[in-house]
Amino acid sequence: MNDITMKLQADKLIRMALEEDINNEDVSTAAVMPRKCPGRVDLIAKEEGIIAGLGIFARVFTLLDPESRTELFVSDGDRVEPGQIMAVVHADIRVLLSGERTALNYLQRMSGIATYTRTMVDLLEGTGTKLLDTRKTTPNNRIFEKYAVRVGGGCNHRYNLTDGVMLKDNHIDAAGGVAKAIAMAKAYVPFVHKIEVETENLDMVREAVEAGADIIMLDNMDRETMAEAIKIIDGRALTECSGNVTRENIAKIAGLGVNYISSGALTHSAPILDISMKHLRSETGDDCD
């Protein structure tokens, strides 16, 4: 995530998260820390995984206090081990206490997604099939969750509804059929847009191929049906498998020769990575009370 993206999109979302957590004041911190006191705290991994979102983690504190500083010992994409100190955050202790939960929420969530994604990507090694995410993301957190997928080695599908045409079952019903939906899409969108069509059976696959779809999604098909669908398509369109993708079956699906496998579970079901902020202390050696 570059500096421009951070300023244009991430900052406003982080501010919203902070405002949700501190709508007036942090009364717990105000009670025990009545004045400014420079401090530091360690960021520690509590389980093995892939770290993602360190820039977002650090940004929480600089938005609360521009003088805060995060000293990083790892980078996004690194594998971390239990007990590993990944960073030290230097800031007013009041800032460290008030920003802790929001900063960890982002980092734990993003790292969990990156860790789960890496597990799935490793199972595709050597197949030539790419792993995609979906739009099944947490509202207002898509930019962070899709970034985490990339850190984990996955690829992003369309970011939002403006990015590309995907004709799903309800679009096809609204248009009156696969061929009609594709024809209408071709007439409406600029030629640079690819058109993807979701198919549920072999008849829909045949219709999508003949109508000139660029990408054909094989949605919730069993392995035998997918194999037949790929034969029908015969390289005339890119293929994407979606639906009920698990650790147990992803390699077998890739073995059919599908170009892409998409999985909503990358963002909607990945468990968080357990991370904590510990050993808060004053930088001056005073109690700061």
C-alpha atoms as a PDB file:
ATOM      1  CA  MET A   1       0.000   0.000   0.000  1.00  0.00           C
ATOM      2  CA  ASN A   2       1.740   3.195  -1.145  1.00  0.00           C
ATOM      3  CA  ASP A   3       1.707   6.638   0.487  1.00  0.00           C
ATOM      4  CA  ILE A   4      -0.833   8.035  -1.983  1.00  0.00           C
ATOM      5  CA  THR A   5      -3.320   5.245  -1.297  1.00  0.00           C
ATOM      6  CA  MET A   6      -2.748   5.675   2.413  1.00  0.00           C
ATOM      7  CA  LYS A   7      -3.576   9.365   2.290  1.00  0.00           C
ATOM      8  CA  LEU A   8      -6.528   9.098  -0.089  1.00  0.00           C
ATOM      9  CA  GLN A   9      -8.307   6.064   1.319  1.00  0.00           C
ATOM     10  CA  ALA A  10      -6.786   4.435   4.390  1.00  0.00           C
ATOM     11  CA  ASP A  11      -6.509   7.525   6.593  1.00  0.00           C
ATOM     12  CA  LYS A  12     -10.204   8.360   6.514  1.00  0.00           C
ATOM     13  CA  LEU A  13     -11.133   4.755   7.327  1.00  0.00           C
ATOM     14  CA  ILE A  14      -8.662   4.577  10.206  1.00  0.00           C
ATOM     15  CA  ARG A  15     -10.042   7.865  11.551  1.00  0.00           C
ATOM     16  CA  MET A  16     -13.552   6.410  11.422  1.00  0.00           C
ATOM     17  CA  ALA A  17     -12.386   3.367  13.378  1.00  0.00           C
ATOM     18  CA  LEU A  18     -10.751   5.586  16.001  1.00  0.00           C
ATOM     19  CA  GLU A  19     -13.844   7.775  16.255  1.00  0.00           C
ATOM     20  CA  GLU A  20     -15.952   4.658  16.766  1.00  0.00           C
ATOM     21  CA  ASP A  21     -13.746   3.693  19.719  1.00  0.00           C
ATOM     22  CA  ILE A  22     -13.155   7.182  21.175  1.00  0.00           C
ATOM     23  CA  ASN A  23     -16.281   9.271  20.562  1.00  0.00           C
ATOM     24  CA  ASN A  24     -15.525  11.575  23.490  1.00  0.00           C
ATOM     25  CA  GLU A  25     -12.549  10.453  25.555  1.00  0.00           C
ATOM     26  CA  ASP A  26     -10.770   7.332  26.725  1.00  0.00           C
ATOM     27  CA  VAL A  27     -11.899   7.527  30.338  1.00  0.00           C
ATOM     28  CA  SER A  28      -9.741   4.593  31.506  1.00  0.00           C
ATOM     29  CA  THR A  29      -6.572   6.199  30.204  1.00  0.00           C
ATOM     30  CA  ALA A  30      -7.522   9.670  31.379  1.00  0.00           C
ATOM     31  CA  ALA A  31      -8.033   8.281  34.871  1.00  0.00           C
ATOM     32  CA  VAL A  32      -4.595   6.682  35.220  1.00  0.00           C
ATOM     33  CA  MET A  33      -2.514   8.934  32.953  1.00  0.00           C
ATOM     34  CA  PRO A  34      -3.451  12.588  33.571  1.00  0.00           C
ATOM     35  CA  ARG A  35      -0.512  14.122  31.677  1.00  0.00           C
ATOM     36  CA  LYS A  36       1.755  13.482  28.726  1.00  0.00           C
ATOM     37  CA  CYS A  37       4.442  10.890  29.315  1.00  0.00           C
ATOM     38  CA  PRO A  38       6.734   9.445  26.619  1.00  0.00           C
ATOM     39  CA  GLY A  39       6.631   5.669  26.560  1.00  0.00           C
ATOM     40  CA  ARG A  40       7.245   2.561  24.538  1.00  0.00           C
ATOM     41  CA  VAL A  41       5.572  -0.803  24.082  1.00  0.00           C
ATOM     42  CA  ASP A  42       6.550  -4.038  22.331  1.00  0.00           C
ATOM     43  CA  LEU A  43       4.514  -5.612  19.537  1.00  0.00           C
ATOM     44  CA  ILE A  44       4.702  -9.377  20.007  1.00  0.00           C
ATOM     45  CA  ALA A  45       3.533 -12.320  17.880  1.00  0.00           C
ATOM     46  CA  LYS A  46       1.734 -14.972  19.920  1.00  0.00           C
ATOM     47  CA  GLU A  47       1.471 -17.552  17.143  1.00  0.00           C
ATOM     48  CA  GLU A  48       3.137 -18.439  13.854  1.00  0.00           C
ATOM     49  CA  GLY A  49       1.854 -16.716  10.739  1.00  0.00           C
ATOM     50  CA  ILE A  50       2.347 -14.172   7.982  1.00  0.00           C
ATOM     51  CA  ILE A  51       2.363 -10.568   9.137  1.00  0.00           C
ATOM     52  CA  ALA A  52       0.403  -7.966   7.170  1.00  0.00           C
ATOM     53  CA  GLY A  53      -0.726  -4.436   7.931  1.00  0.00           C
ATOM     54  CA  LEU A  54       2.270  -3.014   9.784  1.00  0.00           C
ATOM     55  CA  GLY A  55       1.866   0.317   8.022  1.00  0.00           C
ATOM     56  CA  ILE A  56      -1.775   0.532   9.083  1.00  0.00           C
ATOM     57  CA  PHE A  57      -0.843  -0.462  12.633  1.00  0.00           C
ATOM     58  CA  ALA A  58       1.739   2.333  12.817  1.00  0.00           C
ATOM     59  CA  ARG A  59      -0.566   4.862  11.154  1.00  0.00           C
ATOM     60  CA  VAL A  60      -3.134   4.527  13.944  1.00  0.00           C
ATOM     61  CA  PHE A  61      -0.632   6.013  16.368  1.00  0.00           C
ATOM     62  CA  THR A  62       0.630   8.786  14.074  1.00  0.00           C
ATOM     63  CA  LEU A  63      -2.944   9.908  13.452  1.00  0.00           C
ATOM     64  CA  LEU A  64      -3.382  10.220  17.214  1.00  0.00           C
ATOM     65  CA  ASP A  65       0.037  11.841  17.636  1.00  0.00           C
ATOM     66  CA  PRO A  66       2.277  12.837  14.695  1.00  0.00           C
ATOM     67  CA  GLU A  67       5.291  12.542  16.989  1.00  0.00           C
ATOM     68  CA  SER A  68       4.761   8.816  17.541  1.00  0.00           C
ATOM     69  CA  ARG A  69       7.295   6.456  15.982  1.00  0.00           C
ATOM     70  CA  THR A  70       7.134   2.736  15.209  1.00  0.00           C
ATOM     71  CA  GLU A  71      10.425   0.847  15.040  1.00  0.00           C
ATOM     72  CA  LEU A  72       9.828  -2.212  12.824  1.00  0.00           C
ATOM     73  CA  PHE A  73      11.889  -5.393  12.954  1.00  0.00           C
ATOM     74  CA  VAL A  74       9.856  -7.295  10.336  1.00  0.00           C
ATOM     75  CA  SER A  75       8.117  -6.430   7.068  1.00  0.00           C
ATOM     76  CA  ASP A  76       4.720  -7.294   5.609  1.00  0.00           C
ATOM     77  CA  GLY A  77       4.906 -10.789   4.158  1.00  0.00           C
ATOM     78  CA  ASP A  78       7.407 -12.096   6.703  1.00  0.00           C
ATOM     79  CA  ARG A  79       6.660 -15.259   8.646  1.00  0.00           C
ATOM     80  CA  VAL A  80       6.719 -14.627  12.396  1.00  0.00           C
ATOM     81  CA  GLU A  81       7.044 -16.994  15.332  1.00  0.00           C
ATOM     82  CA  PRO A  82       5.417 -17.090  18.791  1.00  0.00           C
ATOM     83  CA  GLY A  83       7.167 -14.704  21.182  1.00  0.00           C
ATOM     84  CA  GLN A  84       8.877 -12.733  18.412  1.00  0.00           C
ATOM     85  CA  ILE A  85       9.125  -8.983  19.017  1.00  0.00           C
ATOM     86  CA  MET A  86       8.052  -7.468  15.699  1.00  0.00           C
ATOM     87  CA  ALA A  87       8.173  -3.778  16.566  1.00  0.00           C
ATOM     88  CA  VAL A  88       8.476  -1.197  19.296  1.00  0.00           C
ATOM     89  CA  VAL A  89       6.099   1.759  19.319  1.00  0.00           C
ATOM     90  CA  HIS A  90       7.332   5.011  20.854  1.00  0.00           C
ATOM     91  CA  ALA A  91       4.681   7.583  21.771  1.00  0.00           C
ATOM     92  CA  ASP A  92       2.897   9.386  24.564  1.00  0.00           C
ATOM     93  CA  ILE A  93       1.648   6.596  26.828  1.00  0.00           C
ATOM     94  CA  ARG A  94      -1.875   8.006  26.508  1.00  0.00           C
ATOM     95  CA  VAL A  95      -1.661   7.482  22.758  1.00  0.00           C
ATOM     96  CA  LEU A  96      -0.336   3.946  23.166  1.00  0.00           C
ATOM     97  CA  LEU A  97      -3.203   3.044  25.483  1.00  0.00           C
ATOM     98  CA  SER A  98      -5.957   4.693  23.426  1.00  0.00           C
ATOM     99  CA  GLY A  99      -4.792   3.405  20.037  1.00  0.00           C
ATOM    100  CA  GLU A 100      -3.888  -0.132  21.079  1.00  0.00           C
ATOM    101  CA  ARG A 101      -7.156  -1.903  20.303  1.00  0.00           C
ATOM    102  CA  THR A 102      -7.781  -0.246  16.939  1.00  0.00           C
ATOM    103  CA  ALA A 103      -4.201  -0.818  15.805  1.00  0.00           C
ATOM    104  CA  LEU A 104      -4.281  -4.474  16.846  1.00  0.00           C
ATOM    105  CA  ASN A 105      -7.691  -5.042  15.268  1.00  0.00           C
ATOM    106  CA  TYR A 106      -6.286  -4.048  11.883  1.00  0.00           C
ATOM    107  CA  LEU A 107      -3.030  -5.963  12.273  1.00  0.00           C
ATOM    108  CA  GLN A 108      -4.602  -9.168  13.622  1.00  0.00           C
ATOM    109  CA  ARG A 109      -7.294  -9.221  10.953  1.00  0.00           C
ATOM    110  CA  MET A 110      -4.952  -8.471   8.062  1.00  0.00           C
ATOM    111  CA  SER A 111      -2.318 -10.918   9.278  1.00  0.00           C
ATOM    112  CA  GLY A 112      -4.946 -13.644   9.656  1.00  0.00           C
ATOM    113  CA  ILE A 113      -6.036 -13.142   6.061  1.00  0.00           C
ATOM    114  CA  ALA A 114      -2.441 -13.157   4.814  1.00  0.00           C
ATOM    115  CA  THR A 115      -1.694 -16.328   6.787  1.00  0.00           C
ATOM    116  CA  TYR A 116      -4.734 -18.213   5.493  1.00  0.00           C
ATOM    117  CA  THR A 117      -4.079 -17.011   1.944  1.00  0.00           C
ATOM    118  CA  ARG A 118      -0.466 -18.188   2.073  1.00  0.00           C
ATOM    119  CA  THR A 119      -1.651 -21.631   3.186  1.00  0.00           C
ATOM    120  CA  MET A 120      -3.941 -21.884   0.160  1.00  0.00           C
ATOM    121  CA  VAL A 121      -1.383 -20.447  -2.269  1.00  0.00           C
ATOM    122  CA  ASP A 122       1.201 -22.997  -1.126  1.00  0.00           C
ATOM    123  CA  LEU A 123      -1.244 -25.775  -2.046  1.00  0.00           C
ATOM    124  CA  LEU A 124      -1.347 -24.400  -5.616  1.00  0.00           C
ATOM    125  CA  GLU A 125       2.416 -24.340  -6.056  1.00  0.00           C
ATOM    126  CA  GLY A 126       3.441 -25.682  -9.453  1.00  0.00           C
ATOM    127  CA  THR A 127      -0.095 -25.798 -10.878  1.00  0.00           C
ATOM    128  CA  GLY A 128      -0.154 -22.472 -12.737  1.00  0.00           C
ATOM    129  CA  THR A 129      -3.564 -21.694 -11.207  1.00  0.00           C
ATOM    130  CA  LYS A 130      -3.927 -18.328  -9.484  1.00  0.00           C
ATOM    131  CA  LEU A 131      -5.891 -17.772  -6.280  1.00  0.00           C
ATOM    132  CA  LEU A 132      -8.365 -14.870  -6.217  1.00  0.00           C
ATOM    133  CA  ASP A 133     -10.288 -13.110  -3.483  1.00  0.00           C
ATOM    134  CA  THR A 134     -13.878 -11.838  -3.838  1.00  0.00           C
ATOM    135  CA  ARG A 135     -16.008  -8.868  -2.750  1.00  0.00           C
ATOM    136  CA  LYS A 136     -17.064 -10.780   0.373  1.00  0.00           C
ATOM    137  CA  THR A 137     -15.214  -8.350   2.600  1.00  0.00           C
ATOM    138  CA  THR A 138     -15.984  -6.474   5.804  1.00  0.00           C
ATOM    139  CA  PRO A 139     -17.720  -3.164   4.977  1.00  0.00           C
ATOM    140  CA  ASN A 140     -15.225  -0.270   4.969  1.00  0.00           C
ATOM    141  CA  ASN A 141     -12.306  -2.689   5.312  1.00  0.00           C
ATOM    142  CA  ARG A 142     -11.998  -3.925   1.731  1.00  0.00           C
ATOM    143  CA  ILE A 143      -8.839  -1.961   0.973  1.00  0.00           C
ATOM    144  CA  PHE A 144      -7.104  -3.533   3.970  1.00  0.00           C
ATOM    145  CA  GLU A 145      -8.395  -7.058   3.425  1.00  0.00           C
ATOM    146  CA  LYS A 146      -7.570  -7.183  -0.278  1.00  0.00           C
ATOM    147  CA  TYR A 147      -4.101  -5.822   0.467  1.00  0.00           C
ATOM    148  CA  ALA A 148      -3.648  -8.644   2.991  1.00  0.00           C
ATOM    149  CA  VAL A 149      -4.578 -11.206   0.320  1.00  0.00           C
ATOM    150  CA  ARG A 150      -1.771  -9.865  -1.880  1.00  0.00           C
ATOM    151  CA  VAL A 151       0.678 -10.001   1.013  1.00  0.00           C
ATOM    152  CA  GLY A 152      -0.281 -13.657   1.458  1.00  0.00           C
ATOM    153  CA  GLY A 153       0.522 -14.362  -2.192  1.00  0.00           C
ATOM    154  CA  GLY A 154      -3.009 -14.292  -3.604  1.00  0.00           C
ATOM    155  CA  CYS A 155      -4.409 -12.075  -6.356  1.00  0.00           C
ATOM    156  CA  ASN A 156      -7.230  -9.572  -6.255  1.00  0.00           C
ATOM    157  CA  HIS A 157     -10.415 -10.082  -8.254  1.00  0.00           C
ATOM    158  CA  ARG A 158     -12.271  -6.847  -9.093  1.00  0.00           C
ATOM    159  CA  TYR A 159     -12.070  -4.308  -6.286  1.00  0.00           C
ATOM    160  CA  ASN A 160     -15.648  -3.077  -6.650  1.00  0.00           C
ATOM    161  CA  LEU A 161     -18.628  -2.985  -9.016  1.00  0.00           C
ATOM    162  CA  THR A 162     -16.971  -0.402 -11.262  1.00  0.00           C
ATOM    163  CA  ASP A 163     -13.891  -2.512 -11.977  1.00  0.00           C
ATOM    164  CA  GLY A 164     -15.393  -5.038 -14.363  1.00  0.00           C
ATOM    165  CA  VAL A 165     -18.456  -6.853 -15.638  1.00  0.00           C
ATOM    166  CA  MET A 166     -19.499  -9.984 -13.811  1.00  0.00           C
ATOM    167  CA  LEU A 167     -22.841 -11.360 -14.895  1.00  0.00           C
ATOM    168  CA  LYS A 168     -24.167 -13.462 -12.049  1.00  0.00           C
ATOM    169  CA  ASP A 169     -27.352 -15.533 -11.894  1.00  0.00           C
ATOM    170  CA  ASN A 170     -29.618 -12.597 -11.086  1.00  0.00           C
ATOM    171  CA  HIS A 171     -28.113 -10.439 -13.854  1.00  0.00           C
ATOM    172  CA  ILE A 172     -28.731 -13.280 -16.288  1.00  0.00           C
ATOM    173  CA  ASP A 173     -32.314 -13.666 -15.063  1.00  0.00           C
ATOM    174  CA  ALA A 174     -32.872  -9.915 -15.393  1.00  0.00           C
ATOM    175  CA  ALA A 175     -31.543  -9.899 -18.960  1.00  0.00           C
ATOM    176  CA  GLY A 176     -33.456 -13.001 -20.040  1.00  0.00           C
ATOM    177  CA  GLY A 177     -30.582 -15.418 -20.572  1.00  0.00           C
ATOM    178  CA  VAL A 178     -26.815 -15.788 -20.830  1.00  0.00           C
ATOM    179  CA  ALA A 179     -26.454 -14.717 -24.466  1.00  0.00           C
ATOM    180  CA  LYS A 180     -28.714 -11.683 -24.004  1.00  0.00           C
ATOM    181  CA  ALA A 181     -26.832 -10.595 -20.889  1.00  0.00           C
ATOM    182  CA  ILE A 182     -23.473 -10.821 -22.671  1.00  0.00           C
ATOM    183  CA  ALA A 183     -24.761  -8.969 -25.723  1.00  0.00           C
ATOM    184  CA  MET A 184     -26.163  -6.178 -23.565  1.00  0.00           C
ATOM    185  CA  ALA A 185     -22.917  -5.913 -21.604  1.00  0.00           C
ATOM    186  CA  LYS A 186     -20.851  -5.700 -24.793  1.00  0.00           C
ATOM    187  CA  ALA A 187     -23.090  -2.955 -26.092  1.00  0.00           C
ATOM    188  CA  TYR A 188     -22.844  -0.967 -22.862  1.00  0.00           C
ATOM    189  CA  VAL A 189     -19.293  -1.130 -21.524  1.00  0.00           C
ATOM    190  CA  PRO A 190     -16.093   0.135 -23.182  1.00  0.00           C
ATOM    191  CA  PHE A 191     -14.227  -2.490 -25.181  1.00  0.00           C
ATOM    192  CA  VAL A 192     -11.381  -2.538 -22.639  1.00  0.00           C
ATOM    193  CA  HIS A 193     -13.662  -4.197 -20.064  1.00  0.00           C
ATOM    194  CA  LYS A 194     -13.616  -7.967 -19.923  1.00  0.00           C
ATOM    195  CA  ILE A 195     -16.919  -9.739 -19.427  1.00  0.00           C
ATOM    196  CA  GLU A 196     -17.178 -12.580 -16.954  1.00  0.00           C
ATOM    197  CA  VAL A 197     -20.205 -14.846 -16.736  1.00  0.00           C
ATOM    198  CA  GLU A 198     -21.210 -17.082 -13.851  1.00  0.00           C
ATOM    199  CA  THR A 199     -22.399 -20.501 -15.061  1.00  0.00           C
ATOM    200  CA  GLU A 200     -24.054 -23.279 -13.081  1.00  0.00           C
ATOM    201  CA  ASN A 201     -24.360 -26.045 -15.686  1.00  0.00           C
ATOM    202  CA  LEU A 202     -22.938 -27.161 -19.012  1.00  0.00           C
ATOM    203  CA  ASP A 203     -25.729 -25.589 -21.080  1.00  0.00           C
ATOM    204  CA  MET A 204     -24.863 -22.189 -19.615  1.00  0.00           C
ATOM    205  CA  VAL A 205     -21.181 -22.851 -20.323  1.00  0.00           C
ATOM    206  CA  ARG A 206     -21.904 -23.578 -23.997  1.00  0.00           C
ATOM    207  CA  GLU A 207     -24.057 -20.457 -24.294  1.00  0.00           C
ATOM    208  CA  ALA A 208     -21.406 -18.278 -22.641  1.00  0.00           C
ATOM    209  CA  VAL A 209     -18.673 -19.561 -24.973  1.00  0.00           C
ATOM    210  CA  GLU A 210     -20.743 -19.007 -28.096  1.00  0.00           C
ATOM    211  CA  ALA A 211     -21.727 -15.511 -26.970  1.00  0.00           C
ATOM    212  CA  GLY A 212     -18.089 -14.519 -26.533  1.00  0.00           C
ATOM    213  CA  ALA A 213     -17.575 -14.280 -22.779  1.00  0.00           C
ATOM    214  CA  ASP A 214     -13.985 -13.447 -21.825  1.00  0.00           C
ATOM    215  CA  ILE A 215     -14.049 -15.316 -18.521  1.00  0.00           C
ATOM    216  CA  ILE A 216     -16.378 -18.144 -17.530  1.00  0.00           C
ATOM    217  CA  MET A 217     -16.926 -18.903 -13.880  1.00  0.00           C
ATOM    218  CA  LEU A 218     -17.734 -22.495 -13.038  1.00  0.00           C
ATOM    219  CA  ASP A 219     -19.867 -21.955  -9.969  1.00  0.00           C
ATOM    220  CA  ASN A 220     -20.444 -24.728  -7.426  1.00  0.00           C
ATOM    221  CA  MET A 221     -19.883 -27.485  -9.970  1.00  0.00           C
ATOM    222  CA  ASP A 222     -18.645 -30.928  -9.014  1.00  0.00           C
ATOM    223  CA  ARG A 223     -15.245 -32.018 -10.292  1.00  0.00           C
ATOM    224  CA  GLU A 224     -16.583 -34.101 -13.173  1.00  0.00           C
ATOM    225  CA  THR A 225     -18.795 -31.271 -14.458  1.00  0.00           C
ATOM    226  CA  MET A 226     -15.918 -28.801 -14.217  1.00  0.00           C
ATOM    227  CA  ALA A 227     -13.696 -31.130 -16.221  1.00  0.00           C
ATOM    228  CA  GLU A 228     -16.338 -31.349 -18.977  1.00  0.00           C
ATOM    229  CA  ALA A 229     -16.855 -27.578 -18.902  1.00  0.00           C
ATOM    230  CA  ILE A 230     -13.134 -26.953 -19.416  1.00  0.00           C
ATOM    231  CA  LYS A 231     -13.214 -29.259 -22.447  1.00  0.00           C
ATOM    232  CA  ILE A 232     -16.165 -27.349 -23.882  1.00  0.00           C
ATOM    233  CA  ILE A 233     -14.458 -23.988 -23.363  1.00  0.00           C
ATOM    234  CA  ASP A 234     -11.263 -25.354 -24.945  1.00  0.00           C
ATOM    235  CA  GLY A 235      -9.198 -22.216 -24.338  1.00  0.00           C
ATOM    236  CA  ARG A 236     -11.751 -19.846 -25.897  1.00  0.00           C
ATOM    237  CA  ALA A 237     -12.206 -18.107 -22.547  1.00  0.00           C
ATOM    238  CA  LEU A 238     -10.389 -17.948 -19.251  1.00  0.00           C
ATOM    239  CA  THR A 239     -11.834 -20.186 -16.572  1.00  0.00           C
ATOM    240  CA  GLU A 240     -12.520 -19.496 -12.913  1.00  0.00           C
ATOM    241  CA  CYS A 241     -13.736 -21.998 -10.349  1.00  0.00           C
ATOM    242  CA  SER A 242     -15.740 -20.741  -7.394  1.00  0.00           C
ATOM    243  CA  GLY A 243     -17.700 -22.257  -4.536  1.00  0.00           C
ATOM    244  CA  ASN A 244     -16.829 -24.565  -1.642  1.00  0.00           C
ATOM    245  CA  VAL A 245     -13.079 -24.250  -2.116  1.00  0.00           C
ATOM    246  CA  THR A 246     -11.205 -25.808   0.820  1.00  0.00           C
ATOM    247  CA  ARG A 247      -7.687 -26.848   1.782  1.00  0.00           C
ATOM    248  CA  GLU A 248      -8.692 -30.407   1.034  1.00  0.00           C
ATOM    249  CA  ASN A 249      -9.909 -29.901  -2.540  1.00  0.00           C
ATOM    250  CA  ILE A 250      -8.085 -26.865  -3.931  1.00  0.00           C
ATOM    251  CA  ALA A 251      -5.175 -28.819  -5.418  1.00  0.00           C
ATOM    252  CA  LYS A 252      -7.546 -31.273  -7.121  1.00  0.00           C
ATOM    253  CA  ILE A 253      -9.511 -28.380  -8.634  1.00  0.00           C
ATOM    254  CA  ALA A 254      -6.313 -26.789  -9.915  1.00  0.00           C
ATOM    255  CA  GLY A 255      -5.342 -30.135 -11.411  1.00  0.00           C
ATOM    256  CA  LEU A 256      -8.225 -29.808 -13.857  1.00  0.00           C
ATOM    257  CA  GLY A 257      -6.387 -26.933 -15.564  1.00  0.00           C
ATOM    258  CA  VAL A 258      -8.592 -24.059 -14.423  1.00  0.00           C
ATOM    259  CA  ASN A 259      -6.938 -20.627 -14.745  1.00  0.00           C
ATOM    260  CA  TYR A 260      -8.264 -19.130 -11.518  1.00  0.00           C
ATOM    261  CA  ILE A 261      -9.794 -20.276  -8.258  1.00  0.00           C
ATOM    262  CA  SER A 262     -11.706 -17.690  -6.239  1.00  0.00           C
ATOM    263  CA  SER A 263     -12.508 -18.035  -2.567  1.00  0.00           C
ATOM    264  CA  GLY A 264     -14.618 -15.754  -0.398  1.00  0.00           C
ATOM    265  CA  ALA A 265     -13.235 -17.559   2.646  1.00  0.00           C
ATOM    266  CA  LEU A 266      -9.930 -15.720   2.249  1.00  0.00           C
ATOM    267  CA  THR A 267     -11.566 -12.591   3.620  1.00  0.00           C
ATOM    268  CA  HIS A 268     -14.781 -13.692   5.334  1.00  0.00           C
ATOM    269  CA  SER A 269     -13.565 -16.741   7.248  1.00  0.00           C
ATOM    270  CA  ALA A 270      -9.858 -16.363   7.954  1.00  0.00           C
ATOM    271  CA  PRO A 271      -9.170 -16.441  11.710  1.00  0.00           C
ATOM    272  CA  ILE A 272      -7.180 -13.575  13.171  1.00  0.00           C
ATOM    273  CA  LEU A 273      -3.499 -13.964  13.984  1.00  0.00           C
ATOM    274  CA  ASP A 274      -2.938 -13.613  17.719  1.00  0.00           C
ATOM    275  CA  ILE A 275      -0.770 -10.538  18.364  1.00  0.00           C
ATOM    276  CA  SER A 276      -0.387  -8.384  21.455  1.00  0.00           C
ATOM    277  CA  MET A 277       1.187  -5.188  22.741  1.00  0.00           C
ATOM    278  CA  LYS A 278       3.113  -5.846  25.945  1.00  0.00           C
ATOM    279  CA  HIS A 279       5.723  -4.390  28.318  1.00  0.00           C
ATOM    280  CA  LEU A 280       4.466  -0.807  28.300  1.00  0.00           C
ATOM    281  CA  ARG A 281       6.978   1.393  30.075  1.00  0.00           C
ATOM    282  CA  SER A 282       8.051   4.996  30.424  1.00  0.00           C
ATOM    283  CA  GLU A 283      10.931   6.160  28.251  1.00  0.00           C
ATOM    284  CA  THR A 284      12.111   8.495  31.020  1.00  0.00           C
ATOM    285  CA  GLY A 285      11.992   5.998  33.855  1.00  0.00           C
ATOM    286  CA  ASP A 286       9.350   8.059  35.699  1.00  0.00           C
ATOM    287  CA  ASP A 287       5.980   6.739  36.830  1.00  0.00           C
ATOM    288  CA  CYS A 288       4.252   9.636  34.987  1.00  0.00           C
ATOM    289  CA  ASP A 289       1.407   9.783  37.513  1.00  0.00           C
END
